[in-house]
PDB file of N, CA and C in Angstrom:
ATOM      1  N   UNK A   1     -30.612  22.616 -35.489  1.00  0.00           N
ATOM      2  CA  UNK A   1     -30.055  24.023 -35.248  1.00  0.00           C
ATOM      3  C   UNK A   1     -31.503  24.757 -35.504  1.00  0.00           C
ATOM      4  N   UNK A   2     -31.556  26.084 -34.788  1.00  0.00           N
ATOM      5  CA  UNK A   2     -32.776  26.921 -35.318  1.00  0.00           C
ATOM      6  C   UNK A   2     -32.524  27.477 -36.666  1.00  0.00           C
ATOM      7  N   UNK A   3     -31.122  27.446 -37.179  1.00  0.00           N
ATOM      8  CA  UNK A   3     -31.042  27.932 -38.289  1.00  0.00           C
ATOM      9  C   UNK A   3     -31.643  26.985 -39.844  1.00  0.00           C
ATOM     10  N   UNK A   4     -31.492  25.898 -39.457  1.00  0.00           N
ATOM     11  CA  UNK A   4     -31.773  24.937 -40.283  1.00  0.00           C
ATOM     12  C   UNK A   4     -33.341  24.840 -40.217  1.00  0.00           C
ATOM     13  N   UNK A   5     -34.131  24.939 -39.142  1.00  0.00           N
ATOM     14  CA  UNK A   5     -35.430  24.854 -38.923  1.00  0.00           C
ATOM     15  C   UNK A   5     -36.217  26.071 -39.172  1.00  0.00           C
ATOM     16  N   UNK A   6     -35.452  26.997 -39.572  1.00  0.00           N
ATOM     17  CA  UNK A   6     -36.087  28.240 -40.056  1.00  0.00           C
ATOM     18  C   UNK A   6     -35.881  28.227 -41.642  1.00  0.00           C
ATOM     19  N   UNK A   7     -35.115  27.089 -42.680  1.00  0.00           N
ATOM     20  CA  UNK A   7     -35.173  27.202 -43.853  1.00  0.00           C
ATOM     21  C   UNK A   7     -33.922  27.748 -44.154  1.00  0.00           C
ATOM     22  N   UNK A   8     -32.672  27.971 -43.493  1.00  0.00           N
ATOM     23  CA  UNK A   8     -31.671  29.092 -43.669  1.00  0.00           C
ATOM     24  C   UNK A   8     -30.936  27.818 -44.064  1.00  0.00           C
ATOM     25  N   UNK A   9     -29.705  27.946 -45.152  1.00  0.00           N
ATOM     26  CA  UNK A   9     -28.660  26.910 -45.719  1.00  0.00           C
ATOM     27  C   UNK A   9     -27.591  27.134 -44.528  1.00  0.00           C
ATOM     28  N   UNK A  10     -26.993  26.050 -43.778  1.00  0.00           N
ATOM     29  CA  UNK A  10     -25.751  25.712 -42.890  1.00  0.00           C
ATOM     30  C   UNK A  10     -24.917  25.154 -43.765  1.00  0.00           C
ATOM     31  N   UNK A  11     -24.073  26.007 -43.729  1.00  0.00           N
ATOM     32  CA  UNK A  11     -22.719  25.465 -44.766  1.00  0.00           C
ATOM     33  C   UNK A  11     -21.640  25.219 -43.824  1.00  0.00           C
ATOM     34  N   UNK A  12     -20.601  24.941 -44.175  1.00  0.00           N
ATOM     35  CA  UNK A  12     -19.179  24.555 -43.788  1.00  0.00           C
ATOM     36  C   UNK A  12     -19.001  26.049 -42.986  1.00  0.00           C
ATOM     37  N   UNK A  13     -18.974  26.948 -43.970  1.00  0.00           N
ATOM     38  CA  UNK A  13     -18.540  28.560 -43.554  1.00  0.00           C
ATOM     39  C   UNK A  13     -19.186  28.700 -42.509  1.00  0.00           C
ATOM     40  N   UNK A  14     -20.510  28.552 -41.975  1.00  0.00           N
ATOM     41  CA  UNK A  14     -21.212  28.581 -40.794  1.00  0.00           C
ATOM     42  C   UNK A  14     -20.721  28.063 -39.691  1.00  0.00           C
ATOM     43  N   UNK A  15     -20.750  26.655 -39.776  1.00  0.00           N
ATOM     44  CA  UNK A  15     -20.088  25.676 -38.712  1.00  0.00           C
ATOM     45  C   UNK A  15     -18.749  26.535 -38.202  1.00  0.00           C
ATOM     46  N   UNK A  16     -18.029  26.915 -39.337  1.00  0.00           N
ATOM     47  CA  UNK A  16     -16.668  27.185 -39.098  1.00  0.00           C
ATOM     48  C   UNK A  16     -16.745  28.400 -38.209  1.00  0.00           C
ATOM     49  N   UNK A  17     -17.422  29.477 -38.672  1.00  0.00           N
ATOM     50  CA  UNK A  17     -17.857  30.561 -38.152  1.00  0.00           C
ATOM     51  C   UNK A  17     -18.042  30.874 -36.464  1.00  0.00           C
ATOM     52  N   UNK A  18     -18.863  29.532 -36.659  1.00  0.00           N
ATOM     53  CA  UNK A  18     -19.360  29.422 -35.104  1.00  0.00           C
ATOM     54  C   UNK A  18     -18.536  28.923 -34.100  1.00  0.00           C
ATOM     55  N   UNK A  19     -17.495  27.670 -34.742  1.00  0.00           N
ATOM     56  CA  UNK A  19     -16.606  27.211 -33.864  1.00  0.00           C
ATOM     57  C   UNK A  19     -15.142  27.926 -33.551  1.00  0.00           C
ATOM     58  N   UNK A  20     -15.251  28.922 -34.533  1.00  0.00           N
ATOM     59  CA  UNK A  20     -14.160  29.983 -34.444  1.00  0.00           C
ATOM     60  C   UNK A  20     -14.687  30.988 -33.384  1.00  0.00           C
ATOM     61  N   UNK A  21     -15.919  31.683 -33.215  1.00  0.00           N
ATOM     62  CA  UNK A  21     -16.335  32.309 -32.416  1.00  0.00           C
ATOM     63  C   UNK A  21     -16.542  31.685 -30.975  1.00  0.00           C
ATOM     64  N   UNK A  22     -16.865  30.404 -30.865  1.00  0.00           N
ATOM     65  CA  UNK A  22     -16.625  29.573 -29.248  1.00  0.00           C
ATOM     66  C   UNK A  22     -15.172  29.385 -29.131  1.00  0.00           C
ATOM     67  N   UNK A  23     -14.267  29.133 -29.760  1.00  0.00           N
ATOM     68  CA  UNK A  23     -13.122  29.270 -29.258  1.00  0.00           C
ATOM     69  C   UNK A  23     -12.349  30.499 -29.058  1.00  0.00           C
ATOM     70  N   UNK A  24     -12.546  31.375 -29.428  1.00  0.00           N
ATOM     71  CA  UNK A  24     -12.325  32.850 -29.380  1.00  0.00           C
ATOM     72  C   UNK A  24     -12.684  33.424 -27.892  1.00  0.00           C
ATOM     73  N   UNK A  25     -13.930  33.059 -27.901  1.00  0.00           N
ATOM     74  CA  UNK A  25     -14.814  33.358 -26.443  1.00  0.00           C
ATOM     75  C   UNK A  25     -14.025  32.196 -25.311  1.00  0.00           C
ATOM     76  N   UNK A  26     -13.842  31.383 -25.615  1.00  0.00           N
ATOM     77  CA  UNK A  26     -12.860  30.852 -24.377  1.00  0.00           C
ATOM     78  C   UNK A  26     -11.193  30.976 -24.690  1.00  0.00           C
ATOM     79  N   UNK A  27     -10.962  31.776 -25.366  1.00  0.00           N
ATOM     80  CA  UNK A  27      -9.591  32.150 -25.696  1.00  0.00           C
ATOM     81  C   UNK A  27      -8.739  30.981 -26.003  1.00  0.00           C
ATOM     82  N   UNK A  28      -9.172  29.962 -26.819  1.00  0.00           N
ATOM     83  CA  UNK A  28      -8.532  29.293 -27.408  1.00  0.00           C
ATOM     84  C   UNK A  28      -8.375  29.170 -28.841  1.00  0.00           C
ATOM     85  N   UNK A  29      -8.405  30.049 -29.595  1.00  0.00           N
ATOM     86  CA  UNK A  29      -8.118  30.546 -30.971  1.00  0.00           C
ATOM     87  C   UNK A  29      -6.798  29.939 -31.687  1.00  0.00           C
ATOM     88  N   UNK A  30      -5.521  30.299 -30.591  1.00  0.00           N
ATOM     89  CA  UNK A  30      -4.602  30.313 -31.098  1.00  0.00           C
ATOM     90  C   UNK A  30      -3.629  28.639 -31.020  1.00  0.00           C
ATOM     91  N   UNK A  31      -5.185  27.442 -30.339  1.00  0.00           N
ATOM     92  CA  UNK A  31      -4.035  26.522 -30.439  1.00  0.00           C
ATOM     93  C   UNK A  31      -4.574  25.848 -31.638  1.00  0.00           C
ATOM     94  N   UNK A  32      -3.639  24.757 -31.829  1.00  0.00           N
ATOM     95  CA  UNK A  32      -3.670  23.730 -33.212  1.00  0.00           C
ATOM     96  C   UNK A  32      -3.710  22.634 -32.695  1.00  0.00           C
ATOM     97  N   UNK A  33      -3.760  21.825 -33.747  1.00  0.00           N
ATOM     98  CA  UNK A  33      -3.887  20.198 -33.426  1.00  0.00           C
ATOM     99  C   UNK A  33      -2.466  19.428 -34.359  1.00  0.00           C
ATOM    100  N   UNK A  34      -1.885  19.040 -33.931  1.00  0.00           N
ATOM    101  CA  UNK A  34      -0.705  18.407 -34.214  1.00  0.00           C
ATOM    102  C   UNK A  34       0.107  19.593 -35.356  1.00  0.00           C
ATOM    103  N   UNK A  35       0.291  20.647 -34.881  1.00  0.00           N
ATOM    104  CA  UNK A  35       0.777  21.904 -35.413  1.00  0.00           C
ATOM    105  C   UNK A  35       0.049  22.640 -36.747  1.00  0.00           C
ATOM    106  N   UNK A  36      -1.273  21.667 -37.083  1.00  0.00           N
ATOM    107  CA  UNK A  36      -1.832  22.135 -37.986  1.00  0.00           C
ATOM    108  C   UNK A  36      -3.382  23.168 -37.531  1.00  0.00           C
ATOM    109  N   UNK A  37      -3.472  23.799 -38.349  1.00  0.00           N
ATOM    110  CA  UNK A  37      -5.110  24.735 -38.203  1.00  0.00           C
ATOM    111  C   UNK A  37      -5.906  23.802 -37.848  1.00  0.00           C
ATOM    112  N   UNK A  38      -6.921  24.058 -36.720  1.00  0.00           N
ATOM    113  CA  UNK A  38      -7.782  23.219 -36.150  1.00  0.00           C
ATOM    114  C   UNK A  38      -9.383  23.213 -37.155  1.00  0.00           C
ATOM    115  N   UNK A  39      -9.419  24.477 -37.628  1.00  0.00           N
ATOM    116  CA  UNK A  39     -10.570  24.688 -38.502  1.00  0.00           C
ATOM    117  C   UNK A  39     -10.477  24.839 -39.723  1.00  0.00           C
ATOM    118  N   UNK A  40     -10.713  23.507 -39.990  1.00  0.00           N
ATOM    119  CA  UNK A  40     -10.604  23.598 -41.830  1.00  0.00           C
ATOM    120  C   UNK A  40     -11.896  22.939 -42.086  1.00  0.00           C
ATOM    121  N   UNK A  41     -12.043  23.240 -43.664  1.00  0.00           N
ATOM    122  CA  UNK A  41     -13.436  22.757 -44.150  1.00  0.00           C
ATOM    123  C   UNK A  41     -13.455  21.304 -44.141  1.00  0.00           C
ATOM    124  N   UNK A  42     -12.465  20.463 -43.983  1.00  0.00           N
ATOM    125  CA  UNK A  42     -12.885  19.336 -43.983  1.00  0.00           C
ATOM    126  C   UNK A  42     -13.475  18.882 -42.643  1.00  0.00           C
ATOM    127  N   UNK A  43     -13.260  19.931 -41.426  1.00  0.00           N
ATOM    128  CA  UNK A  43     -14.070  19.450 -40.021  1.00  0.00           C
ATOM    129  C   UNK A  43     -15.060  20.110 -40.121  1.00  0.00           C
ATOM    130  N   UNK A  44     -15.422  21.373 -40.989  1.00  0.00           N
ATOM    131  CA  UNK A  44     -16.562  21.552 -41.046  1.00  0.00           C
ATOM    132  C   UNK A  44     -17.691  20.790 -41.661  1.00  0.00           C
ATOM    133  N   UNK A  45     -17.117  19.880 -42.705  1.00  0.00           N
ATOM    134  CA  UNK A  45     -17.797  19.290 -43.302  1.00  0.00           C
ATOM    135  C   UNK A  45     -18.161  17.703 -42.530  1.00  0.00           C
ATOM    136  N   UNK A  46     -17.130  17.558 -41.866  1.00  0.00           N
ATOM    137  CA  UNK A  46     -17.427  16.299 -40.891  1.00  0.00           C
ATOM    138  C   UNK A  46     -18.508  16.719 -39.733  1.00  0.00           C
ATOM    139  N   UNK A  47     -18.353  17.867 -39.484  1.00  0.00           N
ATOM    140  CA  UNK A  47     -19.120  18.076 -38.380  1.00  0.00           C
ATOM    141  C   UNK A  47     -21.016  18.022 -39.189  1.00  0.00           C
ATOM    142  N   UNK A  48     -20.983  18.557 -40.077  1.00  0.00           N
ATOM    143  CA  UNK A  48     -22.619  18.645 -41.011  1.00  0.00           C
ATOM    144  C   UNK A  48     -22.790  17.304 -41.336  1.00  0.00           C
ATOM    145  N   UNK A  49     -21.735  16.439 -41.537  1.00  0.00           N
ATOM    146  CA  UNK A  49     -21.943  14.821 -41.887  1.00  0.00           C
ATOM    147  C   UNK A  49     -22.446  14.145 -40.758  1.00  0.00           C
ATOM    148  N   UNK A  50     -22.204  14.589 -39.826  1.00  0.00           N
ATOM    149  CA  UNK A  50     -22.153  13.897 -38.356  1.00  0.00           C
ATOM    150  C   UNK A  50     -23.998  14.263 -37.800  1.00  0.00           C
ATOM    151  N   UNK A  51     -24.333  15.614 -38.336  1.00  0.00           N
ATOM    152  CA  UNK A  51     -25.224  16.020 -37.652  1.00  0.00           C
ATOM    153  C   UNK A  51     -26.327  15.804 -38.896  1.00  0.00           C
ATOM    154  N   UNK A  52     -26.132  14.742 -39.799  1.00  0.00           N
ATOM    155  CA  UNK A  52     -26.643  14.385 -40.909  1.00  0.00           C
ATOM    156  C   UNK A  52     -27.526  15.453 -41.920  1.00  0.00           C
ATOM    157  N   UNK A  53     -26.537  16.557 -41.979  1.00  0.00           N
ATOM    158  CA  UNK A  53     -27.137  17.717 -42.634  1.00  0.00           C
ATOM    159  C   UNK A  53     -26.770  17.205 -43.958  1.00  0.00           C
ATOM    160  N   UNK A  54     -27.623  17.591 -45.501  1.00  0.00           N
ATOM    161  CA  UNK A  54     -26.952  17.549 -46.369  1.00  0.00           C
ATOM    162  C   UNK A  54     -26.847  18.663 -47.480  1.00  0.00           C
ATOM    163  N   UNK A  55     -26.175  18.326 -48.647  1.00  0.00           N
ATOM    164  CA  UNK A  55     -26.180  19.775 -49.360  1.00  0.00           C
ATOM    165  C   UNK A  55     -27.377  20.048 -50.183  1.00  0.00           C
ATOM    166  N   UNK A  56     -28.141  20.943 -50.021  1.00  0.00           N
ATOM    167  CA  UNK A  56     -29.570  21.524 -50.768  1.00  0.00           C
ATOM    168  C   UNK A  56     -28.906  22.040 -52.140  1.00  0.00           C
ATOM    169  N   UNK A  57     -30.057  21.462 -53.139  1.00  0.00           N
ATOM    170  CA  UNK A  57     -29.662  22.332 -54.236  1.00  0.00           C
ATOM    171  C   UNK A  57     -30.472  23.580 -54.548  1.00  0.00           C
ATOM    172  N   UNK A  58     -29.979  25.004 -55.287  1.00  0.00           N
ATOM    173  CA  UNK A  58     -31.045  25.980 -55.174  1.00  0.00           C
ATOM    174  C   UNK A  58     -31.974  25.493 -56.043  1.00  0.00           C
ATOM    175  N   UNK A  59     -32.836  26.619 -55.706  1.00  0.00           N
ATOM    176  CA  UNK A  59     -33.919  26.420 -56.508  1.00  0.00           C
ATOM    177  C   UNK A  59     -34.142  27.664 -57.298  1.00  0.00           C
ATOM    178  N   UNK A  60     -34.793  27.815 -58.514  1.00  0.00           N
ATOM    179  CA  UNK A  60     -34.705  28.784 -59.279  1.00  0.00           C
ATOM    180  C   UNK A  60     -36.485  30.057 -58.809  1.00  0.00           C
ATOM    181  N   UNK A  61     -36.992  29.314 -58.019  1.00  0.00           N
ATOM    182  CA  UNK A  61     -38.269  30.254 -56.997  1.00  0.00           C
ATOM    183  C   UNK A  61     -37.859  31.688 -56.593  1.00  0.00           C
ATOM    184  N   UNK A  62     -36.546  31.158 -55.712  1.00  0.00           N
ATOM    185  CA  UNK A  62     -35.693  31.851 -55.064  1.00  0.00           C
ATOM    186  C   UNK A  62     -35.063  33.242 -55.591  1.00  0.00           C
ATOM    187  N   UNK A  63     -34.890  33.214 -56.861  1.00  0.00           N
ATOM    188  CA  UNK A  63     -34.643  34.675 -57.746  1.00  0.00           C
ATOM    189  C   UNK A  63     -35.363  35.449 -57.865  1.00  0.00           C
ATOM    190  N   UNK A  64     -36.831  35.131 -57.791  1.00  0.00           N
ATOM    191  CA  UNK A  64     -37.788  35.824 -58.271  1.00  0.00           C
ATOM    192  C   UNK A  64     -37.825  36.968 -56.755  1.00  0.00           C
ATOM    193  N   UNK A  65     -37.881  38.161 -56.820  1.00  0.00           N
ATOM    194  CA  UNK A  65     -38.057  39.161 -56.150  1.00  0.00           C
ATOM    195  C   UNK A  65     -39.516  39.583 -55.747  1.00  0.00           C
ATOM    196  N   UNK A  66     -40.228  39.465 -54.389  1.00  0.00           N
ATOM    197  CA  UNK A  66     -41.488  39.914 -54.203  1.00  0.00           C
ATOM    198  C   UNK A  66     -41.631  41.569 -54.051  1.00  0.00           C
ATOM    199  N   UNK A  67     -42.978  41.709 -54.292  1.00  0.00           N
ATOM    200  CA  UNK A  67     -43.339  42.826 -54.381  1.00  0.00           C
ATOM    201  C   UNK A  67     -43.172  44.025 -53.382  1.00  0.00           C
ATOM    202  N   UNK A  68     -42.966  43.312 -51.863  1.00  0.00           N
ATOM    203  CA  UNK A  68     -42.894  44.020 -50.865  1.00  0.00           C
ATOM    204  C   UNK A  68     -41.341  43.782 -51.080  1.00  0.00           C
ATOM    205  N   UNK A  69     -40.702  43.531 -51.224  1.00  0.00           N
ATOM    206  CA  UNK A  69     -39.145  43.246 -51.233  1.00  0.00           C
ATOM    207  C   UNK A  69     -38.522  44.256 -49.833  1.00  0.00           C
ATOM    208  N   UNK A  70     -38.684  45.758 -50.340  1.00  0.00           N
ATOM    209  CA  UNK A  70     -38.250  46.589 -49.166  1.00  0.00           C
ATOM    210  C   UNK A  70     -38.604  46.502 -47.746  1.00  0.00           C
ATOM    211  N   UNK A  71     -39.995  46.046 -47.974  1.00  0.00           N
ATOM    212  CA  UNK A  71     -40.974  46.132 -46.412  1.00  0.00           C
ATOM    213  C   UNK A  71     -40.122  44.905 -45.687  1.00  0.00           C
ATOM    214  N   UNK A  72     -39.775  43.908 -46.548  1.00  0.00           N
ATOM    215  CA  UNK A  72     -39.689  42.446 -45.975  1.00  0.00           C
ATOM    216  C   UNK A  72     -38.180  42.826 -45.373  1.00  0.00           C
ATOM    217  N   UNK A  73     -37.426  43.268 -45.959  1.00  0.00           N
ATOM    218  CA  UNK A  73     -35.874  43.716 -45.607  1.00  0.00           C
ATOM    219  C   UNK A  73     -35.917  44.551 -44.271  1.00  0.00           C
ATOM    220  N   UNK A  74     -36.664  45.328 -44.389  1.00  0.00           N
ATOM    221  CA  UNK A  74     -36.493  46.589 -43.477  1.00  0.00           C
ATOM    222  C   UNK A  74     -37.157  45.277 -42.544  1.00  0.00           C
ATOM    223  N   UNK A  75     -38.209  44.621 -42.235  1.00  0.00           N
ATOM    224  CA  UNK A  75     -38.452  43.646 -40.813  1.00  0.00           C
ATOM    225  C   UNK A  75     -37.569  42.646 -40.483  1.00  0.00           C
ATOM    226  N   UNK A  76     -36.833  42.229 -41.632  1.00  0.00           N
ATOM    227  CA  UNK A  76     -35.994  41.043 -41.505  1.00  0.00           C
ATOM    228  C   UNK A  76     -34.791  41.578 -40.472  1.00  0.00           C
ATOM    229  N   UNK A  77     -34.441  42.982 -41.120  1.00  0.00           N
ATOM    230  CA  UNK A  77     -33.091  43.761 -40.149  1.00  0.00           C
ATOM    231  C   UNK A  77     -33.632  44.017 -38.914  1.00  0.00           C
ATOM    232  N   UNK A  78     -34.832  44.771 -38.647  1.00  0.00           N
ATOM    233  CA  UNK A  78     -35.426  44.621 -37.480  1.00  0.00           C
ATOM    234  C   UNK A  78     -35.515  43.626 -36.290  1.00  0.00           C
ATOM    235  N   UNK A  79     -35.836  42.261 -36.621  1.00  0.00           N
ATOM    236  CA  UNK A  79     -35.852  40.865 -36.293  1.00  0.00           C
ATOM    237  C   UNK A  79     -34.554  40.474 -35.924  1.00  0.00           C
ATOM    238  N   UNK A  80     -33.296  40.774 -36.833  1.00  0.00           N
ATOM    239  CA  UNK A  80     -31.813  40.254 -36.429  1.00  0.00           C
ATOM    240  C   UNK A  80     -31.593  41.569 -35.214  1.00  0.00           C
ATOM    241  N   UNK A  81     -31.829  42.921 -35.321  1.00  0.00           N
ATOM    242  CA  UNK A  81     -31.747  43.807 -34.516  1.00  0.00           C
ATOM    243  C   UNK A  81     -32.024  43.501 -33.292  1.00  0.00           C
ATOM    244  N   UNK A  82     -33.187  42.952 -33.008  1.00  0.00           N
ATOM    245  CA  UNK A  82     -33.786  43.008 -31.880  1.00  0.00           C
ATOM    246  C   UNK A  82     -33.118  41.555 -31.300  1.00  0.00           C
ATOM    247  N   UNK A  83     -33.171  40.457 -32.218  1.00  0.00           N
ATOM    248  CA  UNK A  83     -32.137  39.184 -31.700  1.00  0.00           C
ATOM    249  C   UNK A  83     -31.264  39.218 -30.821  1.00  0.00           C
ATOM    250  N   UNK A  84     -30.181  40.144 -31.820  1.00  0.00           N
ATOM    251  CA  UNK A  84     -28.841  40.523 -31.224  1.00  0.00           C
ATOM    252  C   UNK A  84     -28.815  41.157 -29.760  1.00  0.00           C
ATOM    253  N   UNK A  85     -29.467  42.002 -29.617  1.00  0.00           N
ATOM    254  CA  UNK A  85     -29.724  42.644 -28.515  1.00  0.00           C
ATOM    255  C   UNK A  85     -30.133  41.924 -27.455  1.00  0.00           C
ATOM    256  N   UNK A  86     -31.227  40.948 -27.994  1.00  0.00           N
ATOM    257  CA  UNK A  86     -31.803  40.359 -26.621  1.00  0.00           C
ATOM    258  C   UNK A  86     -30.984  38.955 -25.827  1.00  0.00           C
ATOM    259  N   UNK A  87     -30.201  38.323 -26.976  1.00  0.00           N
ATOM    260  CA  UNK A  87     -29.543  37.501 -26.524  1.00  0.00           C
ATOM    261  C   UNK A  87     -28.073  37.478 -26.741  1.00  0.00           C
ATOM    262  N   UNK A  88     -27.158  39.013 -26.772  1.00  0.00           N
ATOM    263  CA  UNK A  88     -26.051  39.277 -26.501  1.00  0.00           C
ATOM    264  C   UNK A  88     -25.224  38.214 -27.821  1.00  0.00           C
ATOM    265  N   UNK A  89     -25.821  38.349 -28.802  1.00  0.00           N
ATOM    266  CA  UNK A  89     -24.631  37.623 -29.866  1.00  0.00           C
ATOM    267  C   UNK A  89     -23.540  38.315 -30.074  1.00  0.00           C
ATOM    268  N   UNK A  90     -22.815  37.420 -30.530  1.00  0.00           N
ATOM    269  CA  UNK A  90     -21.202  37.595 -30.586  1.00  0.00           C
ATOM    270  C   UNK A  90     -21.250  38.541 -32.339  1.00  0.00           C
ATOM    271  N   UNK A  91     -20.682  39.729 -32.285  1.00  0.00           N
ATOM    272  CA  UNK A  91     -20.645  40.120 -33.681  1.00  0.00           C
ATOM    273  C   UNK A  91     -20.003  39.500 -35.119  1.00  0.00           C
ATOM    274  N   UNK A  92     -19.475  38.235 -34.756  1.00  0.00           N
ATOM    275  CA  UNK A  92     -18.570  37.198 -35.411  1.00  0.00           C
ATOM    276  C   UNK A  92     -19.632  36.123 -35.435  1.00  0.00           C
ATOM    277  N   UNK A  93     -20.735  36.145 -35.044  1.00  0.00           N
ATOM    278  CA  UNK A  93     -21.743  35.181 -35.472  1.00  0.00           C
ATOM    279  C   UNK A  93     -22.630  36.004 -36.437  1.00  0.00           C
ATOM    280  N   UNK A  94     -22.803  37.031 -36.877  1.00  0.00           N
ATOM    281  CA  UNK A  94     -23.703  37.476 -37.552  1.00  0.00           C
ATOM    282  C   UNK A  94     -22.707  37.303 -39.232  1.00  0.00           C
ATOM    283  N   UNK A  95     -23.307  36.809 -40.122  1.00  0.00           N
ATOM    284  CA  UNK A  95     -23.226  36.726 -41.250  1.00  0.00           C
ATOM    285  C   UNK A  95     -23.890  37.409 -42.179  1.00  0.00           C
ATOM    286  N   UNK A  96     -23.363  37.889 -43.102  1.00  0.00           N
ATOM    287  CA  UNK A  96     -24.333  38.678 -44.110  1.00  0.00           C
ATOM    288  C   UNK A  96     -24.349  37.709 -45.285  1.00  0.00           C
TER     289      UNK A  96
END
């Protein structure tokens, strides 16, 4: 996954959000499996396990704010906005 390659954490919530958006795109959100909701945390964990993703520990280095933080934020949001427009990303896939 590109998210993981870029160093972003990929959690169950991310996996389930993508699955939910995909099912919504196919108009299959209303379906359940054996009367139970298909998109559960267990499913997200199972998908991550099958992709050989492991839970990473947080480091303290990430808590330090760089001196040019405001400029980095502006650049980050500009890149996201450009990517969303170019690739027609669904709003449901944009997670803050």
